[in-house]
Amino acid sequence: MRSTDILIGKFCNLAFSLKKPKITPKDYYAKILLIKLWGLGNLTVIWPLINRIKEKYPDSSIFFLTFGMNRGFLERNKNIDRVIYFDFTENIVRIIARFFYLLAILRKEKLDLVVNFETFNNASALFSYLTGAPDRIGLNNKYEKVMYTHWIQQDGSLHISGLFQNLLKPIGINSMYSYSCFEEAAQEKKTIEHILGEHGVDNFICIHPGTSENFLHKRWGHKNFVELSNRLIEKYNLPLVFTGTQKEEGLVKGIIAQVSNKNKIVNLTSRLDIWEFIELLRRAALLISNDTGPVHIAAALGINLVSFYGLTSPGRYGPLNKNSIVFYHNLNCSPCISADYRNPKCKNKFMCLDFSPREVFYKISGNFFNGRNKFN
């Protein structure tokens, strides 16, 4: 998939490099398409920017294109008129067919503006160009800028929120970035209260040991989660609620199997939809998670947070809330995932994620618990 995307980028660079972009900013856009395919965490970061676009252009219709794996999340943003899904598959023929099917639908809409939030995806840049929208905004990566009328320099030193915020500057949105705290979902709140009530759980710690299927090597070792869980239960006697997707059931069950006091464990892996999960996090005293989508959800909700970074940098993708602890070694070889390079193998045996459970435990205790063994 990545190789195909690079080939698309090279082709587009040759095909469009001689065409000078036309800068035609407007005071009004009737129809706006936003694109972000990968990453629930990225969609969480983009959420407040959608609201700012609507504030700037209240009479505009906003469409959002994302992967089908994110289904159910963006529908709760009242400022999005329509969510369009690109169902991901490894079948290249189906991908191409879906690409042109969605393109035909959107061309009929006669879009006025496209904002592409993808940080390294040539196919989405080509898609932006082929929509026929007169104004198109995206990042200046190796091959992509030729397909935009407004392009923003790809700055690796910026946090992803700042980079996304910069994409809105061509349309006059310059405010400082801040998370949006999600509105409480009434039905999902009742569901979570019922589940927690069934298990007799009130104050609890949520542990999310999985990551995106694309980045399995971003996971802190499952034995580390076992030792940390044992220490937390022994010291604080708090329930631990484990979460994850259906594909992460084996990972979570393997961790729970080695935890000493299973009476303090609640396994909700694959049981919750995205908004039930958000309502669960809203009630958690603490989230412990790898570098993945729930980190930004927890940060947006303002709950205490512990996260582990190795292959990616917290300076780029870390949580922005002050009540968070981020573990990151900042080795010479890290971060090793970027727009131009994805580490297929690690010669250093992923030392970047070699955080001691003892160290993690003591930092949690020192930052989030008071002298009476209760959360601050």
Protein backbone atom coordinates (compact mmCIF):
# COMPACT_ATOMS: atom_id res chain seq x y z
CA MET A 1 0.00 0.00 0.00
CA ARG A 2 2.78 2.43 0.90
CA SER A 3 4.75 1.57 -2.26
CA THR A 4 1.65 2.12 -4.40
CA ASP A 5 1.07 5.46 -2.73
CA ILE A 6 4.64 6.57 -3.46
CA LEU A 7 4.24 5.58 -7.13
CA ILE A 8 1.05 7.68 -7.29
CA GLY A 9 2.99 10.60 -5.83
CA LYS A 10 5.80 10.33 -8.38
CA PHE A 11 3.30 10.15 -11.22
CA CYS A 12 1.39 13.19 -9.97
CA ASN A 13 4.60 15.15 -9.50
CA LEU A 14 5.49 14.57 -13.16
CA ALA A 15 1.96 15.16 -14.42
CA PHE A 16 1.18 18.35 -12.51
CA SER A 17 4.52 19.99 -11.70
CA LEU A 18 4.33 22.32 -14.69
CA LYS A 19 0.85 23.53 -13.73
CA LYS A 20 0.97 26.66 -11.59
CA PRO A 21 -1.61 26.72 -8.78
CA LYS A 22 -4.26 29.41 -8.84
CA ILE A 23 -4.80 31.07 -5.48
CA THR A 24 -8.45 32.04 -5.22
CA PRO A 25 -9.42 32.48 -1.56
CA LYS A 26 -13.08 33.33 -0.94
CA ASP A 27 -15.17 34.86 1.82
CA TYR A 28 -17.78 32.13 1.41
CA TYR A 29 -17.63 28.43 0.56
CA ALA A 30 -20.92 26.67 -0.10
CA LYS A 31 -19.50 23.15 0.13
CA ILE A 32 -16.34 22.11 1.98
CA LEU A 33 -14.72 18.67 1.99
CA LEU A 34 -12.34 17.71 4.82
CA ILE A 35 -10.13 14.62 4.46
CA LYS A 36 -8.44 12.57 7.19
CA LEU A 37 -8.30 8.85 6.54
CA TRP A 38 -6.13 7.36 9.26
CA GLY A 39 -6.28 7.68 13.00
CA LEU A 40 -8.99 8.14 15.61
CA GLY A 41 -6.53 10.25 17.61
CA ASN A 42 -6.05 12.55 14.62
CA LEU A 43 -9.82 12.89 14.23
CA THR A 44 -10.01 13.86 17.89
CA VAL A 45 -7.40 16.57 17.31
CA ILE A 46 -9.26 17.79 14.21
CA TRP A 47 -12.66 17.88 15.98
CA PRO A 48 -12.33 21.48 17.33
CA LEU A 49 -11.00 22.66 13.95
CA ILE A 50 -14.22 21.45 12.31
CA ASN A 51 -16.11 23.63 14.77
CA ARG A 52 -13.96 26.63 13.92
CA ILE A 53 -14.57 26.16 10.20
CA LYS A 54 -18.32 26.18 10.88
CA GLU A 55 -17.98 29.30 13.00
CA LYS A 56 -16.16 31.02 10.14
CA TYR A 57 -18.55 29.74 7.46
CA PRO A 58 -21.87 29.05 9.25
CA ASP A 59 -23.83 28.62 6.01
CA SER A 60 -21.42 26.11 4.47
CA SER A 61 -22.12 22.39 4.11
CA ILE A 62 -19.23 20.34 5.51
CA PHE A 63 -18.41 16.86 4.22
CA PHE A 64 -15.79 14.62 5.84
CA LEU A 65 -13.98 11.72 4.12
CA THR A 66 -12.38 9.09 6.36
CA PHE A 67 -11.76 5.35 6.54
CA GLY A 68 -14.62 3.01 7.45
CA MET A 69 -12.76 1.88 10.57
CA ASN A 70 -13.68 5.27 12.09
CA ARG A 71 -17.40 4.74 11.53
CA GLY A 72 -19.65 6.13 14.28
CA PHE A 73 -17.33 8.82 15.63
CA LEU A 74 -17.72 11.91 13.46
CA GLU A 75 -21.50 11.57 13.19
CA ARG A 76 -21.76 13.15 16.66
CA ASN A 77 -20.16 16.38 15.46
CA LYS A 78 -23.18 18.57 14.72
CA ASN A 79 -21.17 20.74 12.33
CA ILE A 80 -20.58 17.92 9.84
CA ASP A 81 -23.38 17.53 7.32
CA ARG A 82 -22.23 14.23 5.86
CA VAL A 83 -19.54 11.65 6.68
CA ILE A 84 -18.27 9.68 3.68
CA TYR A 85 -16.44 6.43 4.26
CA PHE A 86 -13.64 4.82 2.31
CA ASP A 87 -13.72 1.18 3.43
CA PHE A 88 -10.13 0.04 3.73
CA THR A 89 -9.06 -3.20 2.06
CA GLU A 90 -5.79 -4.75 0.90
CA ASN A 91 -7.36 -5.52 -2.49
CA ILE A 92 -5.86 -2.88 -4.78
CA VAL A 93 -8.59 -3.35 -7.43
CA ARG A 94 -11.32 -2.60 -4.86
CA ILE A 95 -9.37 0.39 -3.59
CA ILE A 96 -9.14 1.87 -7.07
CA ALA A 97 -12.82 1.17 -7.75
CA ARG A 98 -13.87 2.80 -4.47
CA PHE A 99 -11.55 5.75 -5.17
CA PHE A 100 -13.29 6.59 -8.44
CA TYR A 101 -16.77 5.80 -7.10
CA LEU A 102 -16.39 8.32 -4.27
CA LEU A 103 -14.74 10.78 -6.61
CA ALA A 104 -17.75 10.65 -8.95
CA ILE A 105 -20.10 11.29 -6.00
CA LEU A 106 -18.12 14.29 -4.78
CA ARG A 107 -17.62 15.82 -8.20
CA LYS A 108 -21.40 15.97 -8.52
CA GLU A 109 -21.49 18.03 -5.33
CA LYS A 110 -19.42 20.76 -7.04
CA LEU A 111 -17.21 21.37 -4.02
CA ASP A 112 -15.77 24.83 -3.40
CA LEU A 113 -12.97 23.89 -0.99
CA VAL A 114 -11.01 20.79 0.02
CA VAL A 115 -8.81 20.69 3.13
CA ASN A 116 -6.67 17.55 3.24
CA PHE A 117 -5.34 16.81 6.76
CA GLU A 118 -3.38 13.73 5.67
CA THR A 119 0.27 14.16 6.64
CA PHE A 120 1.75 11.70 4.13
CA ASN A 121 -0.64 10.24 1.61
CA ASN A 122 -0.22 10.95 -2.09
CA ALA A 123 -3.48 9.24 -3.05
CA SER A 124 -5.52 11.64 -0.90
CA ALA A 125 -3.68 14.59 -2.49
CA LEU A 126 -4.53 13.28 -5.95
CA PHE A 127 -8.12 12.76 -4.80
CA SER A 128 -8.24 16.38 -3.62
CA TYR A 129 -7.09 17.57 -7.03
CA LEU A 130 -9.52 15.38 -8.96
CA THR A 131 -12.57 16.59 -7.00
CA GLY A 132 -12.41 19.69 -9.18
CA ALA A 133 -12.70 22.03 -6.18
CA PRO A 134 -11.26 25.44 -7.14
CA ASP A 135 -9.54 25.83 -3.75
CA ARG A 136 -7.53 22.96 -2.29
CA ILE A 137 -5.35 23.08 0.82
CA GLY A 138 -2.82 20.45 1.89
CA LEU A 139 0.73 19.83 3.06
CA ASN A 140 3.89 20.34 1.07
CA ASN A 141 5.33 16.85 1.14
CA LYS A 142 7.74 15.41 -1.39
CA TYR A 143 5.23 15.02 -4.21
CA GLU A 144 1.97 16.54 -3.02
CA LYS A 145 2.10 20.34 -3.20
CA VAL A 146 1.56 20.39 -6.98
CA MET A 147 -2.00 19.21 -6.39
CA TYR A 148 -3.02 22.09 -4.13
CA THR A 149 -3.85 25.74 -4.70
CA HIS A 150 -2.73 26.52 -1.15
CA TRP A 151 -0.01 24.40 0.45
CA ILE A 152 1.48 24.49 3.93
CA GLN A 153 5.07 23.55 4.66
CA GLN A 154 5.43 20.16 6.36
CA ASP A 155 7.17 21.08 9.62
CA GLY A 156 8.34 18.05 11.58
CA SER A 157 9.03 20.14 14.68
CA LEU A 158 5.36 21.10 15.12
CA HIS A 159 2.87 19.18 17.21
CA ILE A 160 0.25 17.64 14.93
CA SER A 161 -2.37 20.05 16.29
CA GLY A 162 -0.25 23.01 15.18
CA LEU A 163 0.26 21.50 11.75
CA PHE A 164 -3.48 20.92 11.34
CA GLN A 165 -4.18 24.44 12.60
CA ASN A 166 -1.82 25.86 9.95
CA LEU A 167 -3.91 24.24 7.23
CA LEU A 168 -6.75 26.60 8.13
CA LYS A 169 -4.71 29.81 7.87
CA PRO A 170 -5.38 30.22 4.12
CA ILE A 171 -9.09 30.57 4.93
CA GLY A 172 -8.52 33.07 7.72
CA ILE A 173 -8.68 30.83 10.81
CA ASN A 174 -5.69 31.71 12.98
CA SER A 175 -6.79 31.10 16.59
CA MET A 176 -4.66 29.11 19.04
CA TYR A 177 -5.40 25.39 19.21
CA SER A 178 -7.29 23.82 22.11
CA TYR A 179 -9.12 20.51 22.51
CA SER A 180 -12.91 20.26 22.44
CA CYS A 181 -14.41 18.33 25.33
CA PHE A 182 -17.03 16.02 23.87
CA GLU A 183 -20.64 16.53 24.87
CA GLU A 184 -21.98 13.84 27.17
CA ALA A 185 -23.75 11.08 25.27
CA ALA A 186 -26.91 10.34 27.29
CA GLN A 187 -27.67 6.80 26.09
CA GLU A 188 -24.06 5.69 26.23
CA LYS A 189 -23.74 7.20 29.71
CA LYS A 190 -26.60 4.97 30.93
CA THR A 191 -24.99 1.93 29.32
CA ILE A 192 -21.65 2.55 31.03
CA GLU A 193 -23.25 3.27 34.40
CA HIS A 194 -25.14 -0.01 34.08
CA ILE A 195 -21.99 -1.98 33.19
CA LEU A 196 -19.96 -0.45 36.01
CA GLY A 197 -22.85 -1.03 38.40
CA GLU A 198 -22.98 -4.72 37.45
CA HIS A 199 -19.32 -5.05 38.41
CA GLY A 200 -19.61 -2.90 41.53
CA VAL A 201 -17.09 -0.43 40.12
CA ASP A 202 -16.97 3.25 41.00
CA ASN A 203 -13.45 4.69 41.13
CA PHE A 204 -11.23 2.84 38.63
CA ILE A 205 -8.17 2.91 36.38
CA CYS A 206 -8.61 2.22 32.67
CA ILE A 207 -5.83 0.33 30.86
CA HIS A 208 -5.65 0.25 27.05
CA PRO A 209 -2.72 -2.00 26.03
CA GLY A 210 -3.40 -2.12 22.27
CA THR A 211 -2.56 0.12 19.32
CA SER A 212 -3.55 0.51 15.70
CA GLU A 213 -3.02 -2.65 13.65
CA ASN A 214 -0.60 -0.67 11.49
CA PHE A 215 1.75 0.03 14.38
CA LEU A 216 1.87 -3.05 16.60
CA HIS A 217 5.47 -2.26 17.59
CA LYS A 218 4.31 0.86 19.44
CA ARG A 219 2.98 -1.40 22.22
CA TRP A 220 4.60 -1.50 25.64
CA GLY A 221 5.30 -5.16 26.46
CA HIS A 222 2.38 -7.18 27.85
CA LYS A 223 4.56 -8.42 30.75
CA ASN A 224 5.07 -4.79 31.71
CA PHE A 225 1.31 -4.28 31.86
CA VAL A 226 1.05 -7.41 34.04
CA GLU A 227 3.63 -6.17 36.56
CA LEU A 228 2.18 -2.64 36.63
CA SER A 229 -1.34 -4.04 37.15
CA ASN A 230 -0.18 -6.21 40.05
CA ARG A 231 1.56 -3.26 41.70
CA LEU A 232 -1.47 -0.95 41.31
CA ILE A 233 -3.90 -3.50 42.75
CA GLU A 234 -1.61 -4.44 45.63
CA LYS A 235 -0.96 -0.84 46.63
CA TYR A 236 -4.27 0.91 45.90
CA ASN A 237 -6.84 -1.90 45.72
CA LEU A 238 -8.58 -0.15 42.80
CA PRO A 239 -10.41 -1.97 40.00
CA LEU A 240 -8.61 -2.04 36.64
CA VAL A 241 -10.86 -1.83 33.58
CA PHE A 242 -9.21 -3.16 30.41
CA THR A 243 -10.37 -1.96 26.99
CA GLY A 244 -9.54 -2.72 23.38
CA THR A 245 -10.89 -3.82 20.02
CA GLN A 246 -12.01 -7.30 19.01
CA LYS A 247 -8.59 -7.93 17.46
CA GLU A 248 -6.98 -7.12 20.81
CA GLU A 249 -8.93 -9.69 22.83
CA GLY A 250 -6.03 -12.16 22.81
CA LEU A 251 -3.58 -9.49 23.97
CA VAL A 252 -5.80 -8.39 26.87
CA LYS A 253 -6.71 -11.93 27.94
CA GLY A 254 -3.00 -12.80 27.99
CA ILE A 255 -2.33 -9.88 30.35
CA ILE A 256 -5.29 -10.62 32.62
CA ALA A 257 -4.32 -14.31 32.85
CA GLN A 258 -1.10 -13.31 34.62
CA VAL A 259 -2.57 -10.70 36.98
CA SER A 260 -2.63 -12.06 40.54
CA ASN A 261 -5.91 -10.61 41.84
CA LYS A 262 -8.45 -11.16 39.08
CA ASN A 263 -11.29 -10.01 41.33
CA LYS A 264 -10.10 -6.47 40.67
CA ILE A 265 -10.17 -6.86 36.87
CA VAL A 266 -13.01 -5.89 34.51
CA ASN A 267 -12.47 -6.84 30.88
CA LEU A 268 -14.52 -4.69 28.48
CA THR A 269 -12.42 -5.50 25.41
CA SER A 270 -14.57 -5.51 22.23
CA ARG A 271 -17.71 -4.78 24.29
CA LEU A 272 -17.91 -1.01 23.75
CA ASP A 273 -18.58 1.16 20.73
CA ILE A 274 -16.59 4.39 20.41
CA TRP A 275 -19.04 6.61 22.31
CA GLU A 276 -19.52 4.08 25.11
CA PHE A 277 -15.73 4.00 25.38
CA ILE A 278 -15.64 7.81 25.61
CA GLU A 279 -18.24 7.76 28.40
CA LEU A 280 -16.19 5.10 30.19
CA LEU A 281 -13.08 7.30 29.98
CA ARG A 282 -15.05 10.28 31.26
CA ARG A 283 -15.58 8.34 34.51
CA ALA A 284 -12.03 6.94 34.81
CA ALA A 285 -9.62 8.27 37.42
CA LEU A 286 -6.70 7.48 35.12
CA LEU A 287 -6.00 6.09 31.64
CA ILE A 288 -2.82 4.09 30.99
CA SER A 289 -2.28 3.63 27.27
CA ASN A 290 0.18 3.21 24.45
CA ASP A 291 0.53 5.93 21.83
CA THR A 292 -2.85 5.51 20.14
CA GLY A 293 -6.24 7.20 19.69
CA PRO A 294 -7.52 6.97 23.30
CA VAL A 295 -4.62 9.18 24.44
CA HIS A 296 -6.09 12.22 22.70
CA ILE A 297 -9.64 11.31 23.69
CA ALA A 298 -8.55 11.21 27.34
CA ALA A 299 -6.64 14.47 26.93
CA ALA A 300 -9.71 16.13 25.41
CA LEU A 301 -11.79 14.91 28.36
CA GLY A 302 -9.16 16.23 30.77
CA ILE A 303 -8.65 13.01 32.72
CA ASN A 304 -5.33 11.87 34.24
CA LEU A 305 -3.22 10.13 31.66
CA VAL A 306 -0.11 7.95 31.31
CA SER A 307 1.17 7.14 27.82
CA PHE A 308 4.18 5.40 26.26
CA TYR A 309 6.08 6.72 23.24
CA GLY A 310 8.95 5.12 21.37
CA LEU A 311 8.66 4.89 17.60
CA THR A 312 6.89 8.26 17.50
CA SER A 313 7.65 11.49 19.30
CA PRO A 314 5.38 13.02 21.98
CA GLY A 315 6.55 16.38 20.68
CA ARG A 316 4.65 15.52 17.51
CA TYR A 317 1.84 13.27 18.72
CA GLY A 318 1.71 13.56 22.51
CA PRO A 319 -1.26 14.67 24.64
CA LEU A 320 -1.62 18.40 25.30
CA ASN A 321 -3.22 18.27 28.75
CA LYS A 322 -1.09 19.16 31.78
CA ASN A 323 -2.27 16.24 33.93
CA SER A 324 -0.43 13.66 31.84
CA ILE A 325 2.77 11.65 32.21
CA VAL A 326 4.55 10.79 28.97
CA PHE A 327 7.30 8.18 28.91
CA TYR A 328 9.84 8.71 26.14
CA HIS A 329 13.57 7.85 26.01
CA ASN A 330 14.42 10.11 23.05
CA LEU A 331 17.13 7.75 21.76
CA ASN A 332 19.33 8.62 18.80
CA CYS A 333 17.32 6.24 16.62
CA SER A 334 13.90 7.55 17.64
CA PRO A 335 11.44 8.58 16.46
CA CYS A 336 11.69 6.16 13.55
CA ILE A 337 8.23 6.62 12.01
CA SER A 338 7.81 9.69 9.82
CA ALA A 339 6.38 10.82 6.52
CA ASP A 340 9.35 9.43 4.60
CA TYR A 341 10.30 6.39 6.64
CA ARG A 342 8.64 3.62 8.54
CA ASN A 343 10.88 1.30 10.51
CA PRO A 344 10.16 -2.30 9.35
CA LYS A 345 12.65 -3.89 11.78
CA CYS A 346 14.43 -2.67 14.88
CA LYS A 347 18.10 -3.55 15.39
CA ASN A 348 17.92 -2.25 18.97
CA LYS A 349 15.09 -4.58 20.06
CA PHE A 350 12.76 -1.64 20.67
CA MET A 351 14.80 -0.19 23.53
CA CYS A 352 12.79 3.00 23.00
CA LEU A 353 9.90 1.28 24.81
CA ASP A 354 12.00 -0.17 27.62
CA PHE A 355 10.26 1.56 30.50
CA SER A 356 10.42 -0.18 33.87
CA PRO A 357 6.99 -1.01 35.38
CA ARG A 358 8.49 -0.01 38.72
CA GLU A 359 9.42 3.43 37.36
CA VAL A 360 5.96 3.84 35.81
CA PHE A 361 4.27 2.82 39.06
CA TYR A 362 6.22 5.30 41.19
CA LYS A 363 5.55 8.17 38.78
CA ILE A 364 1.83 7.36 38.85
CA SER A 365 1.91 7.28 42.65
CA GLY A 366 3.83 10.52 42.94
CA ASN A 367 1.74 12.45 40.43
CA PHE A 368 -1.80 11.18 40.90
CA PHE A 369 -2.14 9.77 44.44
CA ASN A 370 -2.11 11.64 47.73
CA GLY A 371 -0.75 10.40 51.03
CA ARG A 372 -4.01 8.58 51.84
CA ASN A 373 -3.65 6.33 48.78
CA LYS A 374 -6.46 8.14 46.99
CA PHE A 375 -6.41 10.10 43.75
CA ASN A 376 -5.57 13.78 44.03
